[in-house]
């Protein structure tokens, strides 16, 4: 009896978490193509929160990189610099766009080349513990690859 109750609770909890993640719609995901030897890239996408409560993106993972971080750009003494952040707020009924020069997912320590036509598997992690799998096609963009101070070499992971 206890086993069946525990199994039912686990299944219900899994369905609830999946439903919460489903209330965040992902559109236009893509990863930036980088030339061979480049160890870092970025992923961009839009997230629309159609739920009745605020959410936040608190992490991401990808098998193509040693580390995947949430990043933003800040103006420091007239210079735009990338900085790691802990969360990206997703207010109710709004769309938050991760784009070049703004919020983005940083892929650090690439384990493979990112060439146009390939795709990047990602797992997005939300503040409620839910996770969402996303495939981002690799695109060539007209914007030069993002340089991040201190991340010019492949990290030891």
N, C-alpha and C. Protein backbone atom coordinates (compact mmCIF):
# COMPACT_ATOMS: atom_id res chain seq x y z
N UNK A 1 0.83 -1.20 0.00
CA UNK A 1 0.00 0.00 0.00
C UNK A 1 0.87 1.26 0.00
N UNK A 2 1.90 1.28 0.87
CA UNK A 2 2.79 2.45 0.95
C UNK A 2 3.50 2.67 -0.38
N UNK A 3 3.95 1.56 -1.00
CA UNK A 3 4.65 1.69 -2.28
C UNK A 3 3.76 2.31 -3.35
N UNK A 4 2.52 1.89 -3.44
CA UNK A 4 1.64 2.44 -4.46
C UNK A 4 1.32 3.90 -4.19
N UNK A 5 1.20 4.30 -2.93
CA UNK A 5 0.97 5.71 -2.59
C UNK A 5 2.18 6.55 -2.95
N UNK A 6 3.37 6.03 -2.63
CA UNK A 6 4.60 6.76 -2.94
C UNK A 6 4.77 6.88 -4.45
N UNK A 7 4.46 5.82 -5.18
CA UNK A 7 4.56 5.86 -6.64
C UNK A 7 3.57 6.87 -7.21
N UNK A 8 2.35 6.87 -6.71
CA UNK A 8 1.34 7.82 -7.19
C UNK A 8 1.78 9.25 -6.92
N UNK A 9 2.32 9.50 -5.72
CA UNK A 9 2.80 10.85 -5.39
C UNK A 9 3.93 11.27 -6.32
N UNK A 10 4.88 10.36 -6.55
CA UNK A 10 6.01 10.66 -7.42
C UNK A 10 5.53 10.96 -8.83
N UNK A 11 4.60 10.17 -9.35
CA UNK A 11 4.07 10.41 -10.69
C UNK A 11 3.33 11.74 -10.75
N UNK A 12 2.52 12.05 -9.71
CA UNK A 12 1.79 13.31 -9.68
C UNK A 12 2.76 14.49 -9.62
N UNK A 13 3.79 14.39 -8.79
CA UNK A 13 4.78 15.47 -8.68
C UNK A 13 5.48 15.67 -10.02
N UNK A 14 5.81 14.60 -10.70
CA UNK A 14 6.46 14.70 -12.01
C UNK A 14 5.57 15.36 -13.03
N UNK A 15 4.28 15.03 -12.99
CA UNK A 15 3.33 15.65 -13.92
C UNK A 15 3.19 17.13 -13.61
N UNK A 16 3.14 17.50 -12.33
CA UNK A 16 3.01 18.90 -11.94
C UNK A 16 4.22 19.70 -12.41
N UNK A 17 5.42 19.19 -12.19
CA UNK A 17 6.63 19.89 -12.62
C UNK A 17 6.64 20.02 -14.14
N UNK A 18 6.28 18.97 -14.84
CA UNK A 18 6.25 19.03 -16.31
C UNK A 18 5.22 20.06 -16.77
N UNK A 19 4.07 20.14 -16.08
CA UNK A 19 3.04 21.12 -16.45
C UNK A 19 3.54 22.53 -16.22
N UNK A 20 4.27 22.77 -15.13
CA UNK A 20 4.81 24.11 -14.87
C UNK A 20 5.79 24.49 -15.97
N UNK A 21 6.66 23.59 -16.35
CA UNK A 21 7.62 23.89 -17.42
C UNK A 21 6.91 24.14 -18.73
N UNK A 22 5.80 23.43 -18.97
CA UNK A 22 5.07 23.58 -20.23
C UNK A 22 4.44 24.97 -20.34
N UNK A 23 4.26 25.67 -19.22
CA UNK A 23 3.68 27.01 -19.24
C UNK A 23 4.70 28.07 -19.67
N UNK A 24 5.94 27.66 -19.86
CA UNK A 24 6.98 28.54 -20.39
C UNK A 24 7.21 28.10 -21.84
N UNK A 25 6.83 28.96 -22.77
CA UNK A 25 6.98 28.63 -24.19
C UNK A 25 8.33 29.15 -24.68
N UNK A 26 9.03 28.33 -25.44
CA UNK A 26 10.33 28.69 -26.02
C UNK A 26 10.12 28.96 -27.50
N UNK A 27 10.69 30.06 -27.98
CA UNK A 27 10.62 30.32 -29.42
C UNK A 27 11.98 30.79 -29.93
N UNK A 28 12.21 30.48 -31.19
CA UNK A 28 13.41 30.86 -31.93
C UNK A 28 14.73 30.60 -31.21
N UNK A 29 14.94 29.38 -30.69
CA UNK A 29 16.25 29.10 -30.07
C UNK A 29 17.31 28.91 -31.15
N UNK A 30 18.50 29.43 -30.90
CA UNK A 30 19.62 29.16 -31.80
C UNK A 30 20.94 29.38 -31.07
N UNK A 31 21.94 28.63 -31.51
CA UNK A 31 23.30 28.76 -30.99
C UNK A 31 24.15 29.44 -32.05
N UNK A 32 25.10 30.22 -31.61
CA UNK A 32 25.98 30.93 -32.55
C UNK A 32 27.07 29.99 -33.05
N UNK A 33 27.21 29.92 -34.36
CA UNK A 33 28.31 29.16 -34.96
C UNK A 33 29.62 29.87 -34.62
N UNK A 34 30.65 29.09 -34.36
CA UNK A 34 31.97 29.67 -34.07
C UNK A 34 33.02 28.93 -34.89
N UNK A 35 34.10 29.62 -35.24
CA UNK A 35 35.15 28.97 -36.02
C UNK A 35 35.89 27.92 -35.20
N UNK A 36 36.52 26.95 -35.88
CA UNK A 36 37.31 25.94 -35.16
C UNK A 36 38.32 26.61 -34.25
N UNK A 37 38.50 26.03 -33.08
CA UNK A 37 39.45 26.58 -32.12
C UNK A 37 38.83 27.57 -31.15
N UNK A 38 37.63 28.06 -31.44
CA UNK A 38 36.93 28.96 -30.51
C UNK A 38 36.32 28.09 -29.42
N UNK A 39 36.55 28.43 -28.17
CA UNK A 39 36.13 27.57 -27.06
C UNK A 39 34.82 27.97 -26.42
N UNK A 40 34.25 29.10 -26.85
CA UNK A 40 33.01 29.59 -26.24
C UNK A 40 32.02 30.01 -27.31
N UNK A 41 30.75 29.90 -26.97
CA UNK A 41 29.69 30.37 -27.86
C UNK A 41 28.52 30.81 -26.99
N UNK A 42 27.40 31.08 -27.61
CA UNK A 42 26.22 31.52 -26.87
C UNK A 42 24.97 30.97 -27.52
N UNK A 43 23.91 30.89 -26.71
CA UNK A 43 22.60 30.47 -27.18
C UNK A 43 21.63 31.60 -26.89
N UNK A 44 20.73 31.82 -27.85
CA UNK A 44 19.73 32.88 -27.75
C UNK A 44 18.36 32.26 -27.98
N UNK A 45 17.33 32.82 -27.36
CA UNK A 45 15.97 32.33 -27.50
C UNK A 45 15.02 33.30 -26.81
N UNK A 46 13.74 33.07 -27.00
CA UNK A 46 12.72 33.85 -26.29
C UNK A 46 11.94 32.91 -25.40
N UNK A 47 11.59 33.38 -24.19
CA UNK A 47 10.82 32.61 -23.22
C UNK A 47 9.56 33.39 -22.89
N UNK A 48 8.40 32.78 -23.07
CA UNK A 48 7.13 33.43 -22.76
C UNK A 48 6.46 32.70 -21.61
N UNK A 49 6.17 33.42 -20.54
CA UNK A 49 5.54 32.85 -19.35
C UNK A 49 4.03 33.03 -19.47
N UNK A 50 3.34 31.94 -19.81
CA UNK A 50 1.88 31.99 -19.93
C UNK A 50 1.18 31.44 -18.70
N UNK A 51 1.93 31.26 -17.61
CA UNK A 51 1.33 30.74 -16.38
C UNK A 51 0.71 31.88 -15.58
N UNK A 52 0.14 31.54 -14.44
CA UNK A 52 -0.48 32.53 -13.56
C UNK A 52 0.48 33.04 -12.49
N UNK A 53 1.74 32.62 -12.56
CA UNK A 53 2.71 33.07 -11.57
C UNK A 53 4.05 33.37 -12.21
N UNK A 54 4.82 34.23 -11.55
CA UNK A 54 6.16 34.55 -12.03
C UNK A 54 7.05 33.33 -11.92
N UNK A 55 7.98 33.21 -12.84
CA UNK A 55 8.98 32.15 -12.80
C UNK A 55 10.34 32.79 -13.07
N UNK A 56 11.38 31.99 -12.99
CA UNK A 56 12.72 32.47 -13.34
C UNK A 56 13.51 31.30 -13.90
N UNK A 57 14.33 31.60 -14.89
CA UNK A 57 15.30 30.65 -15.40
C UNK A 57 16.51 30.75 -14.48
N UNK A 58 16.92 29.64 -13.87
CA UNK A 58 18.01 29.68 -12.89
C UNK A 58 19.24 28.88 -13.32
N UNK A 59 19.15 28.21 -14.45
CA UNK A 59 20.31 27.46 -14.90
C UNK A 59 20.05 26.81 -16.24
N UNK A 60 21.12 26.28 -16.81
CA UNK A 60 21.04 25.55 -18.07
C UNK A 60 22.21 24.58 -18.14
N UNK A 61 22.02 23.52 -18.89
CA UNK A 61 23.07 22.53 -19.09
C UNK A 61 23.10 22.16 -20.56
N UNK A 62 24.27 21.80 -21.04
CA UNK A 62 24.40 21.31 -22.41
C UNK A 62 25.59 20.36 -22.50
N UNK A 63 25.40 19.23 -23.16
CA UNK A 63 26.51 18.29 -23.31
C UNK A 63 27.62 18.80 -24.24
N UNK A 64 27.37 19.89 -24.99
CA UNK A 64 28.39 20.40 -25.91
C UNK A 64 29.40 21.30 -25.23
N UNK A 65 29.15 21.67 -23.95
CA UNK A 65 30.05 22.60 -23.25
C UNK A 65 30.38 22.08 -21.86
N UNK A 66 31.55 22.46 -21.39
CA UNK A 66 31.94 22.10 -20.04
C UNK A 66 31.07 22.80 -19.01
N UNK A 67 30.71 24.04 -19.32
CA UNK A 67 29.91 24.86 -18.42
C UNK A 67 28.90 25.65 -19.26
N UNK A 68 27.68 25.75 -18.76
CA UNK A 68 26.67 26.60 -19.38
C UNK A 68 26.19 27.57 -18.31
N UNK A 69 26.28 28.88 -18.60
CA UNK A 69 25.94 29.90 -17.61
C UNK A 69 24.93 30.89 -18.17
N UNK A 70 24.14 31.48 -17.28
CA UNK A 70 23.27 32.59 -17.63
C UNK A 70 24.13 33.85 -17.59
N UNK A 71 24.03 34.68 -18.64
CA UNK A 71 24.87 35.88 -18.73
C UNK A 71 24.05 37.09 -19.14
N UNK A 72 24.59 38.26 -18.84
CA UNK A 72 24.06 39.52 -19.32
C UNK A 72 25.22 40.42 -19.69
N UNK A 73 24.92 41.55 -20.28
CA UNK A 73 25.92 42.58 -20.58
C UNK A 73 25.68 43.75 -19.64
N UNK A 74 26.74 44.30 -19.09
CA UNK A 74 26.65 45.49 -18.23
C UNK A 74 27.65 46.52 -18.72
N UNK A 75 27.31 47.79 -18.51
CA UNK A 75 28.20 48.88 -18.88
C UNK A 75 29.06 49.21 -17.66
N UNK A 76 30.36 48.98 -17.78
CA UNK A 76 31.31 49.30 -16.71
C UNK A 76 32.30 50.31 -17.24
N UNK A 77 32.20 51.54 -16.75
CA UNK A 77 33.10 52.62 -17.16
C UNK A 77 33.14 52.78 -18.67
N UNK A 78 31.97 52.74 -19.30
CA UNK A 78 31.88 52.95 -20.74
C UNK A 78 32.19 51.73 -21.58
N UNK A 79 32.50 50.60 -20.96
CA UNK A 79 32.80 49.36 -21.69
C UNK A 79 31.68 48.34 -21.41
N UNK A 80 31.18 47.72 -22.47
CA UNK A 80 30.19 46.66 -22.29
C UNK A 80 30.93 45.36 -21.97
N UNK A 81 30.53 44.74 -20.86
CA UNK A 81 31.17 43.50 -20.41
C UNK A 81 30.09 42.47 -20.09
N UNK A 82 30.44 41.20 -20.34
CA UNK A 82 29.53 40.11 -19.98
C UNK A 82 29.75 39.74 -18.53
N UNK A 83 28.64 39.41 -17.87
CA UNK A 83 28.70 38.96 -16.49
C UNK A 83 27.75 37.80 -16.28
N UNK A 84 28.19 36.85 -15.47
CA UNK A 84 27.34 35.72 -15.08
C UNK A 84 26.27 36.26 -14.13
N UNK A 85 25.05 35.75 -14.28
CA UNK A 85 23.97 36.10 -13.37
C UNK A 85 23.33 34.83 -12.84
N UNK A 86 22.63 34.94 -11.71
CA UNK A 86 22.04 33.77 -11.06
C UNK A 86 20.67 33.39 -11.61
N UNK A 87 19.96 34.37 -12.19
CA UNK A 87 18.60 34.08 -12.65
C UNK A 87 18.14 35.09 -13.67
N UNK A 88 17.21 34.66 -14.48
CA UNK A 88 16.55 35.53 -15.45
C UNK A 88 15.07 35.48 -15.11
N UNK A 89 14.55 36.61 -14.66
CA UNK A 89 13.14 36.68 -14.25
C UNK A 89 12.23 36.53 -15.47
N UNK A 90 11.13 35.78 -15.28
CA UNK A 90 10.14 35.54 -16.31
C UNK A 90 8.77 35.96 -15.76
N UNK A 91 8.44 37.25 -15.84
CA UNK A 91 7.18 37.74 -15.28
C UNK A 91 5.96 37.15 -16.00
N UNK A 92 4.86 37.05 -15.28
CA UNK A 92 3.61 36.53 -15.82
C UNK A 92 3.22 37.28 -17.09
N UNK A 93 2.88 36.53 -18.13
CA UNK A 93 2.36 37.10 -19.35
C UNK A 93 3.36 37.84 -20.22
N UNK A 94 4.64 37.78 -19.89
CA UNK A 94 5.65 38.51 -20.66
C UNK A 94 6.59 37.57 -21.39
N UNK A 95 7.20 38.12 -22.44
CA UNK A 95 8.22 37.40 -23.19
C UNK A 95 9.56 38.05 -22.89
N UNK A 96 10.53 37.24 -22.50
CA UNK A 96 11.89 37.70 -22.26
C UNK A 96 12.75 37.13 -23.37
N UNK A 97 13.48 38.00 -24.07
CA UNK A 97 14.28 37.58 -25.21
C UNK A 97 15.76 37.61 -24.86
N UNK A 98 16.42 36.48 -25.04
CA UNK A 98 17.87 36.39 -24.88
C UNK A 98 18.44 36.63 -26.26
N UNK A 99 19.27 37.68 -26.40
CA UNK A 99 19.75 38.09 -27.72
C UNK A 99 21.17 38.64 -27.63
N UNK A 100 21.86 38.70 -28.76
CA UNK A 100 23.22 39.26 -28.75
C UNK A 100 23.21 40.67 -28.15
N UNK A 101 24.17 40.93 -27.29
CA UNK A 101 24.27 42.23 -26.63
C UNK A 101 23.41 42.36 -25.39
N UNK A 102 22.70 41.30 -25.02
CA UNK A 102 21.83 41.33 -23.85
C UNK A 102 21.95 40.03 -23.08
N UNK A 103 20.84 39.59 -22.54
CA UNK A 103 20.81 38.30 -21.84
C UNK A 103 21.12 37.18 -22.83
N UNK A 104 21.83 36.14 -22.37
CA UNK A 104 22.13 34.99 -23.22
C UNK A 104 22.60 33.83 -22.36
N UNK A 105 22.67 32.65 -22.96
CA UNK A 105 23.25 31.48 -22.32
C UNK A 105 24.64 31.31 -22.88
N UNK A 106 25.64 31.31 -22.02
CA UNK A 106 27.03 31.21 -22.45
C UNK A 106 27.46 29.74 -22.40
N UNK A 107 27.98 29.24 -23.51
CA UNK A 107 28.54 27.89 -23.59
C UNK A 107 30.05 28.03 -23.47
N UNK A 108 30.60 27.55 -22.37
CA UNK A 108 32.02 27.73 -22.07
C UNK A 108 32.74 26.38 -22.11
N UNK A 109 33.86 26.35 -22.81
CA UNK A 109 34.62 25.10 -22.93
C UNK A 109 33.93 24.13 -23.87
N UNK A 110 33.72 24.58 -25.11
CA UNK A 110 33.05 23.72 -26.09
C UNK A 110 33.78 22.39 -26.25
N UNK A 111 33.01 21.34 -26.33
CA UNK A 111 33.55 20.00 -26.52
C UNK A 111 33.51 19.57 -27.98
N UNK A 112 32.90 20.39 -28.82
CA UNK A 112 32.81 20.10 -30.25
C UNK A 112 32.65 21.42 -30.99
N UNK A 113 32.91 21.39 -32.28
CA UNK A 113 32.74 22.60 -33.07
C UNK A 113 31.24 22.84 -33.28
N UNK A 114 30.88 24.11 -33.40
CA UNK A 114 29.49 24.47 -33.65
C UNK A 114 29.41 25.06 -35.05
N UNK A 115 28.97 24.24 -35.99
CA UNK A 115 28.89 24.64 -37.38
C UNK A 115 27.44 24.76 -37.81
N UNK A 116 27.13 25.70 -38.71
CA UNK A 116 25.76 25.85 -39.19
C UNK A 116 25.20 24.52 -39.68
N UNK A 117 23.94 24.26 -39.33
CA UNK A 117 23.29 23.02 -39.72
C UNK A 117 23.25 22.00 -38.59
N UNK A 118 24.17 22.12 -37.62
CA UNK A 118 24.16 21.24 -36.46
C UNK A 118 23.12 21.77 -35.46
N UNK A 119 22.96 21.08 -34.35
CA UNK A 119 22.08 21.59 -33.30
C UNK A 119 22.71 21.32 -31.94
N UNK A 120 22.28 22.11 -30.97
CA UNK A 120 22.79 22.03 -29.60
C UNK A 120 21.64 21.59 -28.71
N UNK A 121 21.85 20.53 -27.94
CA UNK A 121 20.87 20.10 -26.95
C UNK A 121 21.09 20.91 -25.68
N UNK A 122 20.00 21.41 -25.12
CA UNK A 122 20.04 22.20 -23.89
C UNK A 122 18.99 21.67 -22.93
N UNK A 123 19.26 21.83 -21.65
CA UNK A 123 18.25 21.63 -20.63
C UNK A 123 18.16 22.94 -19.86
N UNK A 124 16.97 23.53 -19.86
CA UNK A 124 16.73 24.76 -19.11
C UNK A 124 16.20 24.39 -17.74
N UNK A 125 16.67 25.07 -16.70
CA UNK A 125 16.29 24.76 -15.33
C UNK A 125 15.60 25.98 -14.74
N UNK A 126 14.39 25.76 -14.20
CA UNK A 126 13.59 26.84 -13.66
C UNK A 126 13.60 26.84 -12.14
N UNK A 127 13.18 27.96 -11.55
CA UNK A 127 13.21 28.14 -10.10
C UNK A 127 12.29 27.18 -9.35
N UNK A 128 11.31 26.59 -10.02
CA UNK A 128 10.42 25.63 -9.36
C UNK A 128 10.96 24.20 -9.43
N UNK A 129 12.18 24.04 -9.97
CA UNK A 129 12.79 22.72 -10.08
C UNK A 129 12.49 22.02 -11.40
N UNK A 130 11.61 22.59 -12.21
CA UNK A 130 11.29 21.94 -13.48
C UNK A 130 12.43 22.13 -14.47
N UNK A 131 12.48 21.24 -15.42
CA UNK A 131 13.53 21.23 -16.44
C UNK A 131 12.85 21.07 -17.80
N UNK A 132 13.41 21.73 -18.80
CA UNK A 132 12.85 21.64 -20.15
C UNK A 132 13.96 21.39 -21.15
N UNK A 133 13.77 20.40 -22.00
CA UNK A 133 14.75 20.11 -23.05
C UNK A 133 14.45 20.96 -24.27
N UNK A 134 15.51 21.49 -24.86
CA UNK A 134 15.40 22.36 -26.03
C UNK A 134 16.50 21.98 -27.01
N UNK A 135 16.19 22.02 -28.30
CA UNK A 135 17.22 21.87 -29.33
C UNK A 135 17.36 23.21 -30.03
N UNK A 136 18.59 23.71 -30.06
CA UNK A 136 18.87 24.99 -30.69
C UNK A 136 19.71 24.76 -31.94
N UNK A 137 19.18 25.06 -33.12
CA UNK A 137 19.99 24.93 -34.32
C UNK A 137 21.16 25.91 -34.29
N UNK A 138 22.25 25.51 -34.88
CA UNK A 138 23.44 26.38 -34.94
C UNK A 138 23.31 27.26 -36.18
N UNK A 139 23.47 28.57 -35.97
CA UNK A 139 23.35 29.53 -37.06
C UNK A 139 24.61 30.38 -37.17
N UNK A 140 24.92 30.74 -38.39
CA UNK A 140 25.97 31.73 -38.64
C UNK A 140 25.31 33.09 -38.47
N UNK A 141 25.88 33.95 -37.65
CA UNK A 141 25.32 35.28 -37.47
C UNK A 141 26.29 36.31 -38.00
N UNK A 142 25.80 37.50 -38.26
CA UNK A 142 26.65 38.58 -38.75
C UNK A 142 27.43 39.26 -37.64
N UNK A 143 27.20 38.83 -36.41
CA UNK A 143 27.86 39.43 -35.25
C UNK A 143 29.10 38.61 -34.91
N UNK A 144 30.26 39.27 -34.65
CA UNK A 144 31.46 38.50 -34.31
C UNK A 144 31.26 37.69 -33.03
N UNK A 145 31.98 36.57 -32.87
CA UNK A 145 31.86 35.77 -31.65
C UNK A 145 32.10 36.61 -30.41
N UNK A 146 31.37 36.27 -29.35
CA UNK A 146 31.46 37.01 -28.10
C UNK A 146 32.77 36.66 -27.39
N UNK A 147 33.49 37.67 -27.01
CA UNK A 147 34.71 37.46 -26.24
C UNK A 147 34.40 37.77 -24.78
N UNK A 148 34.84 36.93 -23.90
CA UNK A 148 34.59 37.10 -22.48
C UNK A 148 35.93 37.16 -21.77
N UNK A 149 36.22 38.28 -21.10
CA UNK A 149 37.51 38.38 -20.39
C UNK A 149 37.69 37.20 -19.45
N UNK A 150 38.83 36.59 -19.51
CA UNK A 150 39.13 35.46 -18.63
C UNK A 150 38.66 34.13 -19.17
N UNK A 151 37.93 34.13 -20.28
CA UNK A 151 37.42 32.87 -20.82
C UNK A 151 37.97 32.62 -22.21
N UNK A 152 39.15 33.10 -22.49
CA UNK A 152 39.72 32.92 -23.82
C UNK A 152 40.34 31.54 -23.98
N UNK A 153 40.58 30.86 -22.90
CA UNK A 153 41.12 29.51 -22.97
C UNK A 153 40.06 28.52 -22.51
N UNK A 154 40.20 27.31 -22.97
CA UNK A 154 39.28 26.26 -22.57
C UNK A 154 39.49 25.96 -21.08
N UNK A 155 38.40 26.00 -20.26
CA UNK A 155 38.58 25.74 -18.83
C UNK A 155 38.93 24.29 -18.57
N UNK A 156 39.61 24.05 -17.48
CA UNK A 156 39.95 22.68 -17.05
C UNK A 156 38.74 22.12 -16.31
N UNK A 157 38.03 21.24 -16.98
CA UNK A 157 36.82 20.68 -16.38
C UNK A 157 36.93 19.17 -16.33
